[in-house]
Amino acid sequence: MPLAMLTVLIETLNDEEGLARTLASLVDAAVEGAVREVVVCDAGSTDGTSKVAEHAGCFYLAGGVAAGMARARGEWLLLLEPGARLAEGWTGEVFRHAAGPGGAARFSASGGRSPLARMCRRPRPLELGLLLPREQAARLAGQSAGAAALAKGLRTQRLQAEIYPASRGDS
């Protein structure tokens, strides 16, 4: 599977600092050609989110993740929260997964929460990212009102690659 088949979607709302951290973790993958495009789906930010996206060369879209999915060119979509950072080596695992039977998948959490916190609190729907084929995303997008709603309750496989979740309060 060619590496240039992945679109990253990031849904934002006044997340300029978090967006910058997430985009920084994608630079190596973009340079090696693993990330075809990054689409920032903004829900009405009033901060510098649009400037961060534009300076990084992202496609900035005022609208929800469903609009971003409709615009995406990659065969696989990777949905991330602003502020999440992918650990080194994530691209190999993503493309191994995509070359296999596929289906939706999430990353493994790196650091952050203690084992007790993991047992006592459910992760946010996109806390561990969400990788899925564009066809599956298109079916789900019509049934949900945002990235978190799309990811909620979705059966996924676990990737052997790590993500540092965004620092956010429970939602």
N, C-alpha and C. Protein backbone atom coordinates (compact mmCIF):
# COMPACT_ATOMS: atom_id res chain seq x y z
N MET A 1 0.85 -1.19 0.00
CA MET A 1 0.00 0.00 0.00
C MET A 1 0.89 1.24 0.00
N PRO A 2 0.71 2.13 -0.94
CA PRO A 2 1.53 3.35 -0.96
C PRO A 2 1.30 4.17 0.30
N LEU A 3 2.36 4.79 0.75
CA LEU A 3 2.26 5.56 1.98
C LEU A 3 1.45 6.85 1.83
N ALA A 4 1.23 7.34 0.63
CA ALA A 4 0.55 8.62 0.46
C ALA A 4 -0.96 8.46 0.43
N MET A 5 -1.52 7.67 1.30
CA MET A 5 -2.95 7.43 1.28
C MET A 5 -3.61 7.78 2.61
N LEU A 6 -2.96 8.56 3.44
CA LEU A 6 -3.48 8.88 4.77
C LEU A 6 -3.81 10.37 4.86
N THR A 7 -5.04 10.66 5.26
CA THR A 7 -5.48 12.02 5.55
C THR A 7 -5.68 12.13 7.05
N VAL A 8 -5.09 13.15 7.66
CA VAL A 8 -5.28 13.42 9.09
C VAL A 8 -6.34 14.50 9.21
N LEU A 9 -7.33 14.25 10.07
CA LEU A 9 -8.41 15.21 10.34
C LEU A 9 -8.32 15.62 11.81
N ILE A 10 -8.34 16.92 12.04
CA ILE A 10 -8.28 17.45 13.40
C ILE A 10 -9.43 18.43 13.56
N GLU A 11 -10.37 18.13 14.45
CA GLU A 11 -11.49 19.02 14.70
C GLU A 11 -11.10 19.98 15.81
N THR A 12 -11.26 21.28 15.57
CA THR A 12 -10.78 22.29 16.51
C THR A 12 -11.87 23.29 16.92
N LEU A 13 -11.65 23.88 18.06
CA LEU A 13 -12.42 25.03 18.54
C LEU A 13 -11.54 25.77 19.53
N ASN A 14 -10.94 26.86 19.09
CA ASN A 14 -10.01 27.65 19.92
C ASN A 14 -8.90 26.77 20.50
N ASP A 15 -8.22 26.06 19.61
CA ASP A 15 -7.17 25.11 20.01
C ASP A 15 -5.84 25.41 19.34
N GLU A 16 -5.46 26.68 19.20
CA GLU A 16 -4.24 27.00 18.46
C GLU A 16 -3.00 26.34 19.07
N GLU A 17 -2.85 26.34 20.39
CA GLU A 17 -1.67 25.75 21.02
C GLU A 17 -1.67 24.23 20.86
N GLY A 18 -2.79 23.60 21.12
CA GLY A 18 -2.89 22.15 20.97
C GLY A 18 -2.68 21.73 19.52
N LEU A 19 -3.24 22.48 18.59
CA LEU A 19 -3.07 22.17 17.17
C LEU A 19 -1.60 22.23 16.79
N ALA A 20 -0.88 23.23 17.27
CA ALA A 20 0.55 23.35 16.96
C ALA A 20 1.32 22.13 17.47
N ARG A 21 1.01 21.65 18.67
CA ARG A 21 1.69 20.46 19.22
C ARG A 21 1.40 19.23 18.37
N THR A 22 0.15 19.05 17.97
CA THR A 22 -0.21 17.89 17.16
C THR A 22 0.48 17.95 15.80
N LEU A 23 0.44 19.11 15.17
CA LEU A 23 1.06 19.25 13.85
C LEU A 23 2.57 18.99 13.92
N ALA A 24 3.21 19.42 15.00
CA ALA A 24 4.66 19.18 15.16
C ALA A 24 4.96 17.68 15.18
N SER A 25 4.05 16.88 15.76
CA SER A 25 4.30 15.44 15.82
C SER A 25 4.06 14.75 14.48
N LEU A 26 3.50 15.47 13.52
CA LEU A 26 3.22 14.91 12.19
C LEU A 26 4.27 15.28 11.15
N VAL A 27 5.20 16.16 11.50
CA VAL A 27 6.16 16.68 10.52
C VAL A 27 6.95 15.56 9.85
N ASP A 28 7.54 14.66 10.62
CA ASP A 28 8.35 13.59 10.03
C ASP A 28 7.54 12.74 9.07
N ALA A 29 6.30 12.42 9.45
CA ALA A 29 5.44 11.60 8.59
C ALA A 29 5.09 12.33 7.31
N ALA A 30 4.92 13.64 7.38
CA ALA A 30 4.62 14.42 6.17
C ALA A 30 5.85 14.46 5.26
N VAL A 31 7.02 14.63 5.85
CA VAL A 31 8.25 14.68 5.07
C VAL A 31 8.50 13.36 4.35
N GLU A 32 8.25 12.24 5.02
CA GLU A 32 8.48 10.93 4.40
C GLU A 32 7.34 10.53 3.46
N GLY A 33 6.29 11.34 3.38
CA GLY A 33 5.20 11.08 2.45
C GLY A 33 4.11 10.19 3.00
N ALA A 34 4.15 9.88 4.29
CA ALA A 34 3.13 9.01 4.89
C ALA A 34 1.80 9.74 5.07
N VAL A 35 1.84 11.03 5.29
CA VAL A 35 0.63 11.83 5.44
C VAL A 35 0.40 12.59 4.14
N ARG A 36 -0.70 12.29 3.49
CA ARG A 36 -1.01 12.94 2.22
C ARG A 36 -1.48 14.38 2.44
N GLU A 37 -2.30 14.57 3.47
CA GLU A 37 -2.84 15.90 3.76
C GLU A 37 -3.32 15.94 5.21
N VAL A 38 -3.39 17.16 5.74
CA VAL A 38 -3.97 17.40 7.05
C VAL A 38 -5.10 18.40 6.85
N VAL A 39 -6.29 18.02 7.32
CA VAL A 39 -7.47 18.88 7.21
C VAL A 39 -7.86 19.30 8.62
N VAL A 40 -7.86 20.60 8.86
CA VAL A 40 -8.29 21.14 10.15
C VAL A 40 -9.75 21.55 9.97
N CYS A 41 -10.63 20.88 10.71
CA CYS A 41 -12.08 21.11 10.64
C CYS A 41 -12.45 21.98 11.83
N ASP A 42 -12.65 23.26 11.59
CA ASP A 42 -12.84 24.19 12.69
C ASP A 42 -14.31 24.48 12.96
N ALA A 43 -14.66 24.51 14.23
CA ALA A 43 -16.04 24.71 14.65
C ALA A 43 -16.31 26.13 15.13
N GLY A 44 -15.57 27.11 14.59
CA GLY A 44 -15.85 28.50 14.94
C GLY A 44 -14.84 29.13 15.87
N SER A 45 -13.57 28.81 15.74
CA SER A 45 -12.53 29.38 16.61
C SER A 45 -12.44 30.90 16.46
N THR A 46 -12.12 31.55 17.58
CA THR A 46 -11.89 32.99 17.57
C THR A 46 -10.45 33.32 17.93
N ASP A 47 -9.62 32.30 18.12
CA ASP A 47 -8.20 32.51 18.42
C ASP A 47 -7.40 32.37 17.13
N GLY A 48 -6.14 32.02 17.21
CA GLY A 48 -5.27 31.92 16.04
C GLY A 48 -5.23 30.54 15.40
N THR A 49 -6.24 29.73 15.63
CA THR A 49 -6.25 28.37 15.07
C THR A 49 -6.08 28.38 13.56
N SER A 50 -6.79 29.24 12.88
CA SER A 50 -6.70 29.26 11.40
C SER A 50 -5.29 29.64 10.94
N LYS A 51 -4.64 30.55 11.64
CA LYS A 51 -3.27 30.95 11.28
C LYS A 51 -2.29 29.80 11.47
N VAL A 52 -2.43 29.06 12.57
CA VAL A 52 -1.56 27.90 12.81
C VAL A 52 -1.73 26.89 11.68
N ALA A 53 -2.98 26.60 11.33
CA ALA A 53 -3.26 25.63 10.27
C ALA A 53 -2.68 26.10 8.94
N GLU A 54 -2.90 27.33 8.59
CA GLU A 54 -2.42 27.86 7.32
C GLU A 54 -0.90 27.91 7.25
N HIS A 55 -0.24 28.32 8.33
CA HIS A 55 1.23 28.38 8.36
C HIS A 55 1.84 27.00 8.24
N ALA A 56 1.13 25.98 8.71
CA ALA A 56 1.64 24.61 8.65
C ALA A 56 1.32 23.93 7.32
N GLY A 57 0.58 24.63 6.46
CA GLY A 57 0.25 24.05 5.16
C GLY A 57 -0.94 23.11 5.18
N CYS A 58 -1.76 23.22 6.20
CA CYS A 58 -2.96 22.39 6.30
C CYS A 58 -4.09 22.99 5.48
N PHE A 59 -5.05 22.17 5.15
CA PHE A 59 -6.27 22.67 4.54
C PHE A 59 -7.18 23.05 5.70
N TYR A 60 -7.60 24.29 5.79
CA TYR A 60 -8.44 24.79 6.87
C TYR A 60 -9.87 24.87 6.38
N LEU A 61 -10.77 24.24 7.10
CA LEU A 61 -12.16 24.15 6.69
C LEU A 61 -13.05 24.60 7.85
N ALA A 62 -13.85 25.60 7.63
CA ALA A 62 -14.82 26.02 8.64
C ALA A 62 -16.00 25.08 8.52
N GLY A 63 -16.07 24.14 9.41
CA GLY A 63 -17.13 23.14 9.38
C GLY A 63 -16.70 21.91 10.16
N GLY A 64 -17.61 21.04 10.35
CA GLY A 64 -17.36 19.84 11.15
C GLY A 64 -16.56 18.78 10.42
N VAL A 65 -16.32 17.71 11.13
CA VAL A 65 -15.50 16.63 10.60
C VAL A 65 -16.16 15.95 9.40
N ALA A 66 -17.48 15.96 9.31
CA ALA A 66 -18.15 15.36 8.15
C ALA A 66 -17.75 16.09 6.88
N ALA A 67 -17.64 17.41 6.94
CA ALA A 67 -17.20 18.19 5.78
C ALA A 67 -15.75 17.86 5.45
N GLY A 68 -14.93 17.67 6.48
CA GLY A 68 -13.54 17.30 6.27
C GLY A 68 -13.40 15.93 5.63
N MET A 69 -14.24 15.01 6.04
CA MET A 69 -14.21 13.67 5.44
C MET A 69 -14.62 13.71 3.98
N ALA A 70 -15.57 14.55 3.67
CA ALA A 70 -16.01 14.68 2.28
C ALA A 70 -14.89 15.25 1.42
N ARG A 71 -14.04 16.08 1.98
CA ARG A 71 -12.94 16.70 1.26
C ARG A 71 -11.69 15.83 1.22
N ALA A 72 -11.55 14.91 2.15
CA ALA A 72 -10.34 14.09 2.29
C ALA A 72 -10.06 13.27 1.02
N ARG A 73 -8.77 13.19 0.67
CA ARG A 73 -8.37 12.43 -0.50
C ARG A 73 -7.75 11.09 -0.16
N GLY A 74 -7.35 10.89 1.09
CA GLY A 74 -6.71 9.64 1.48
C GLY A 74 -7.70 8.50 1.59
N GLU A 75 -7.22 7.29 1.37
CA GLU A 75 -8.07 6.11 1.53
C GLU A 75 -8.29 5.77 3.00
N TRP A 76 -7.38 6.23 3.84
CA TRP A 76 -7.50 6.03 5.29
C TRP A 76 -7.52 7.39 5.95
N LEU A 77 -8.32 7.51 7.01
CA LEU A 77 -8.43 8.76 7.76
C LEU A 77 -7.92 8.54 9.17
N LEU A 78 -7.20 9.51 9.69
CA LEU A 78 -6.72 9.48 11.06
C LEU A 78 -7.26 10.71 11.76
N LEU A 79 -8.16 10.50 12.71
CA LEU A 79 -8.76 11.59 13.47
C LEU A 79 -7.99 11.75 14.78
N LEU A 80 -7.59 12.98 15.06
CA LEU A 80 -6.82 13.27 16.26
C LEU A 80 -7.41 14.48 16.97
N GLU A 81 -7.28 14.49 18.30
CA GLU A 81 -7.63 15.67 19.09
C GLU A 81 -6.49 16.67 18.99
N PRO A 82 -6.80 17.97 18.97
CA PRO A 82 -5.72 18.95 19.03
C PRO A 82 -4.98 18.80 20.37
N GLY A 83 -3.68 18.73 20.32
CA GLY A 83 -2.87 18.55 21.52
C GLY A 83 -2.32 17.14 21.64
N ALA A 84 -2.92 16.18 20.95
CA ALA A 84 -2.39 14.80 20.97
C ALA A 84 -1.11 14.76 20.16
N ARG A 85 -0.16 13.92 20.61
CA ARG A 85 1.10 13.78 19.89
C ARG A 85 1.35 12.30 19.65
N LEU A 86 1.70 11.97 18.44
CA LEU A 86 1.99 10.59 18.09
C LEU A 86 3.46 10.29 18.37
N ALA A 87 3.71 9.12 18.96
CA ALA A 87 5.08 8.72 19.30
C ALA A 87 5.81 8.27 18.04
N GLU A 88 7.12 8.36 18.10
CA GLU A 88 7.97 7.97 16.98
C GLU A 88 7.64 6.55 16.52
N GLY A 89 7.66 6.34 15.22
CA GLY A 89 7.43 5.02 14.65
C GLY A 89 5.98 4.67 14.39
N TRP A 90 5.09 5.62 14.55
CA TRP A 90 3.66 5.31 14.40
C TRP A 90 3.28 4.97 12.97
N THR A 91 3.95 5.53 12.00
CA THR A 91 3.52 5.32 10.61
C THR A 91 3.63 3.87 10.17
N GLY A 92 4.70 3.20 10.57
CA GLY A 92 4.86 1.79 10.19
C GLY A 92 3.71 0.94 10.68
N GLU A 93 3.31 1.16 11.92
CA GLU A 93 2.21 0.39 12.49
C GLU A 93 0.88 0.71 11.79
N VAL A 94 0.66 1.97 11.48
CA VAL A 94 -0.57 2.36 10.80
C VAL A 94 -0.66 1.68 9.43
N PHE A 95 0.43 1.67 8.69
CA PHE A 95 0.37 1.08 7.36
C PHE A 95 0.40 -0.44 7.38
N ARG A 96 0.97 -1.05 8.41
CA ARG A 96 0.84 -2.51 8.58
C ARG A 96 -0.64 -2.85 8.80
N HIS A 97 -1.29 -2.06 9.63
CA HIS A 97 -2.71 -2.28 9.91
C HIS A 97 -3.55 -2.10 8.64
N ALA A 98 -3.29 -1.04 7.90
CA ALA A 98 -4.05 -0.75 6.69
C ALA A 98 -3.84 -1.82 5.62
N ALA A 99 -2.68 -2.43 5.58
CA ALA A 99 -2.40 -3.46 4.58
C ALA A 99 -3.05 -4.80 4.93
N GLY A 100 -3.46 -4.96 6.19
CA GLY A 100 -4.10 -6.20 6.63
C GLY A 100 -5.60 -6.14 6.43
N PRO A 101 -6.32 -6.87 7.27
CA PRO A 101 -7.78 -6.86 7.14
C PRO A 101 -8.40 -5.49 7.41
N GLY A 102 -7.64 -4.60 8.05
CA GLY A 102 -8.10 -3.22 8.26
C GLY A 102 -9.17 -3.08 9.31
N GLY A 103 -10.02 -2.09 9.13
CA GLY A 103 -11.03 -1.76 10.12
C GLY A 103 -10.54 -0.66 11.03
N ALA A 104 -11.42 -0.15 11.84
CA ALA A 104 -11.10 0.95 12.74
C ALA A 104 -10.09 0.52 13.79
N ALA A 105 -9.22 1.45 14.18
CA ALA A 105 -8.18 1.15 15.18
C ALA A 105 -7.86 2.41 15.96
N ARG A 106 -7.32 2.19 17.16
CA ARG A 106 -6.87 3.28 18.03
C ARG A 106 -5.43 2.99 18.47
N PHE A 107 -4.75 4.04 18.90
CA PHE A 107 -3.39 3.90 19.39
C PHE A 107 -3.39 3.44 20.84
N SER A 108 -2.23 3.04 21.32
CA SER A 108 -2.04 2.71 22.73
C SER A 108 -1.60 3.98 23.46
N ALA A 109 -2.13 4.18 24.65
CA ALA A 109 -1.77 5.38 25.42
C ALA A 109 -0.34 5.28 25.90
N SER A 110 0.36 6.40 25.84
CA SER A 110 1.74 6.46 26.32
C SER A 110 1.78 7.42 27.50
N GLY A 111 2.24 6.92 28.62
CA GLY A 111 2.37 7.77 29.80
C GLY A 111 1.05 8.37 30.23
N GLY A 112 1.13 9.49 30.92
CA GLY A 112 -0.08 10.21 31.29
C GLY A 112 -0.82 9.59 32.45
N ARG A 113 -1.88 8.87 32.16
CA ARG A 113 -2.78 8.39 33.20
C ARG A 113 -2.22 7.16 33.92
N SER A 114 -2.47 7.12 35.21
CA SER A 114 -2.08 5.98 36.01
C SER A 114 -3.02 4.81 35.73
N PRO A 115 -2.63 3.58 36.09
CA PRO A 115 -3.53 2.44 35.89
C PRO A 115 -4.88 2.64 36.59
N LEU A 116 -4.88 3.25 37.78
CA LEU A 116 -6.14 3.50 38.49
C LEU A 116 -7.00 4.48 37.71
N ALA A 117 -6.39 5.54 37.18
CA ALA A 117 -7.15 6.52 36.40
C ALA A 117 -7.73 5.87 35.15
N ARG A 118 -6.97 4.97 34.52
CA ARG A 118 -7.49 4.29 33.33
C ARG A 118 -8.69 3.41 33.66
N MET A 119 -8.69 2.82 34.85
CA MET A 119 -9.80 1.95 35.26
C MET A 119 -11.02 2.77 35.66
N CYS A 120 -10.82 3.94 36.24
CA CYS A 120 -11.92 4.73 36.79
C CYS A 120 -12.56 5.69 35.80
N ARG A 121 -11.92 5.97 34.71
CA ARG A 121 -12.45 6.96 33.77
C ARG A 121 -12.35 6.43 32.35
N ARG A 122 -13.45 6.52 31.65
CA ARG A 122 -13.42 6.14 30.24
C ARG A 122 -12.67 7.20 29.46
N PRO A 123 -11.87 6.80 28.49
CA PRO A 123 -11.19 7.82 27.68
C PRO A 123 -12.18 8.59 26.83
N ARG A 124 -11.83 9.82 26.50
CA ARG A 124 -12.62 10.59 25.55
C ARG A 124 -12.66 9.83 24.23
N PRO A 125 -13.68 10.01 23.42
CA PRO A 125 -13.80 9.24 22.18
C PRO A 125 -12.59 9.31 21.25
N LEU A 126 -11.89 10.46 21.21
CA LEU A 126 -10.72 10.58 20.35
C LEU A 126 -9.41 10.67 21.12
N GLU A 127 -9.44 10.36 22.39
CA GLU A 127 -8.24 10.47 23.22
C GLU A 127 -7.10 9.60 22.68
N LEU A 128 -7.44 8.45 22.13
CA LEU A 128 -6.43 7.54 21.59
C LEU A 128 -6.39 7.58 20.07
N GLY A 129 -6.92 8.67 19.50
CA GLY A 129 -6.97 8.80 18.05
C GLY A 129 -7.96 7.80 17.46
N LEU A 130 -8.17 7.88 16.18
CA LEU A 130 -9.05 6.94 15.48
C LEU A 130 -8.60 6.84 14.04
N LEU A 131 -8.24 5.65 13.64
CA LEU A 131 -7.84 5.35 12.27
C LEU A 131 -8.94 4.52 11.65
N LEU A 132 -9.41 4.92 10.47
CA LEU A 132 -10.44 4.11 9.82
C LEU A 132 -10.43 4.34 8.31
N PRO A 133 -10.90 3.33 7.58
CA PRO A 133 -10.99 3.49 6.13
C PRO A 133 -12.00 4.58 5.79
N ARG A 134 -11.74 5.31 4.73
CA ARG A 134 -12.61 6.42 4.34
C ARG A 134 -14.05 5.96 4.11
N GLU A 135 -14.23 4.76 3.53
CA GLU A 135 -15.59 4.26 3.28
C GLU A 135 -16.36 4.09 4.59
N GLN A 136 -15.72 3.53 5.60
CA GLN A 136 -16.36 3.35 6.89
C GLN A 136 -16.66 4.71 7.52
N ALA A 137 -15.73 5.63 7.40
CA ALA A 137 -15.92 6.98 7.95
C ALA A 137 -17.11 7.66 7.29
N ALA A 138 -17.25 7.50 5.99
CA ALA A 138 -18.35 8.13 5.26
C ALA A 138 -19.69 7.60 5.75
N ARG A 139 -19.77 6.30 5.99
CA ARG A 139 -21.02 5.72 6.52
C ARG A 139 -21.33 6.28 7.90
N LEU A 140 -20.33 6.38 8.74
CA LEU A 140 -20.52 6.86 10.11
C LEU A 140 -20.79 8.36 10.17
N ALA A 141 -20.19 9.12 9.26
CA ALA A 141 -20.33 10.58 9.29
C ALA A 141 -21.78 11.02 9.13
N GLY A 142 -22.55 10.30 8.36
CA GLY A 142 -23.95 10.66 8.17
C GLY A 142 -24.80 10.42 9.40
N GLN A 143 -24.26 9.63 10.36
CA GLN A 143 -25.01 9.28 11.56
C GLN A 143 -24.59 10.09 12.78
N SER A 144 -23.60 10.98 12.64
CA SER A 144 -23.08 11.67 13.82
C SER A 144 -22.89 13.16 13.55
N ALA A 145 -22.75 13.91 14.64
CA ALA A 145 -22.66 15.37 14.53
C ALA A 145 -21.27 15.90 14.86
N GLY A 146 -20.27 15.10 14.81
CA GLY A 146 -18.92 15.57 15.09
C GLY A 146 -17.97 14.41 15.25
N ALA A 147 -16.68 14.73 15.35
CA ALA A 147 -15.66 13.70 15.43
C ALA A 147 -15.84 12.82 16.66
N ALA A 148 -16.10 13.43 17.80
CA ALA A 148 -16.25 12.64 19.03
C ALA A 148 -17.47 11.73 18.94
N ALA A 149 -18.57 12.23 18.39
CA ALA A 149 -19.77 11.41 18.25
C ALA A 149 -19.53 10.26 17.28
N LEU A 150 -18.78 10.51 16.24
CA LEU A 150 -18.46 9.48 15.27
C LEU A 150 -17.66 8.34 15.92
N ALA A 151 -16.74 8.70 16.80
CA ALA A 151 -15.84 7.72 17.42
C ALA A 151 -16.46 6.99 18.60
N LYS A 152 -17.48 7.57 19.19
CA LYS A 152 -18.07 7.01 20.41
C LYS A 152 -18.69 5.64 20.15
N GLY A 153 -18.30 4.67 20.95
CA GLY A 153 -18.90 3.34 20.89
C GLY A 153 -18.46 2.51 19.70
N LEU A 154 -17.52 2.99 18.93
CA LEU A 154 -17.06 2.27 17.75
C LEU A 154 -16.12 1.14 18.17
N ARG A 155 -16.36 -0.05 17.65
CA ARG A 155 -15.48 -1.19 17.95
C ARG A 155 -14.17 -1.01 17.17
N THR A 156 -13.05 -1.06 17.90
CA THR A 156 -11.76 -0.82 17.27
C THR A 156 -10.73 -1.85 17.69
N GLN A 157 -9.69 -1.95 16.90
CA GLN A 157 -8.52 -2.75 17.24
C GLN A 157 -7.49 -1.83 17.88
N ARG A 158 -6.51 -2.40 18.57
CA ARG A 158 -5.48 -1.59 19.21
C ARG A 158 -4.20 -1.67 18.39
N LEU A 159 -3.68 -0.52 18.00
CA LEU A 159 -2.41 -0.46 17.28
C LEU A 159 -1.26 -0.59 18.27
N GLN A 160 -0.16 -1.14 17.82
CA GLN A 160 1.03 -1.25 18.65
C GLN A 160 1.93 -0.03 18.45
N ALA A 161 1.30 1.12 18.42
CA ALA A 161 1.99 2.41 18.34
C ALA A 161 1.35 3.31 19.39
N GLU A 162 2.14 4.22 19.92
CA GLU A 162 1.67 5.02 21.05
C GLU A 162 1.28 6.44 20.67
N ILE A 163 0.37 6.96 21.49
CA ILE A 163 -0.06 8.35 21.38
C ILE A 163 0.03 8.97 22.77
N TYR A 164 0.45 10.22 22.80
CA TYR A 164 0.43 11.00 24.03
C TYR A 164 -0.85 11.82 23.95
N PRO A 165 -1.88 11.45 24.71
CA PRO A 165 -3.17 12.14 24.60
C PRO A 165 -3.08 13.61 24.94
N ALA A 166 -4.00 14.37 24.39
CA ALA A 166 -4.10 15.79 24.69
C ALA A 166 -4.42 15.96 26.17
N SER A 167 -3.90 16.99 26.77
CA SER A 167 -4.20 17.30 28.17
C SER A 167 -5.50 18.08 28.21
N ARG A 168 -6.57 17.41 28.62
CA ARG A 168 -7.89 18.05 28.68
C ARG A 168 -8.62 17.50 29.90
N GLY A 169 -9.59 18.27 30.33
CA GLY A 169 -10.45 17.78 31.41
C GLY A 169 -11.36 16.68 30.85
N ASP A 170 -11.97 15.94 31.69
CA ASP A 170 -12.88 14.89 31.26
C ASP A 170 -14.03 15.49 30.50
N SER A 171 -14.38 14.85 29.41
CA SER A 171 -15.52 15.32 28.65
C SER A 171 -16.45 14.20 28.36
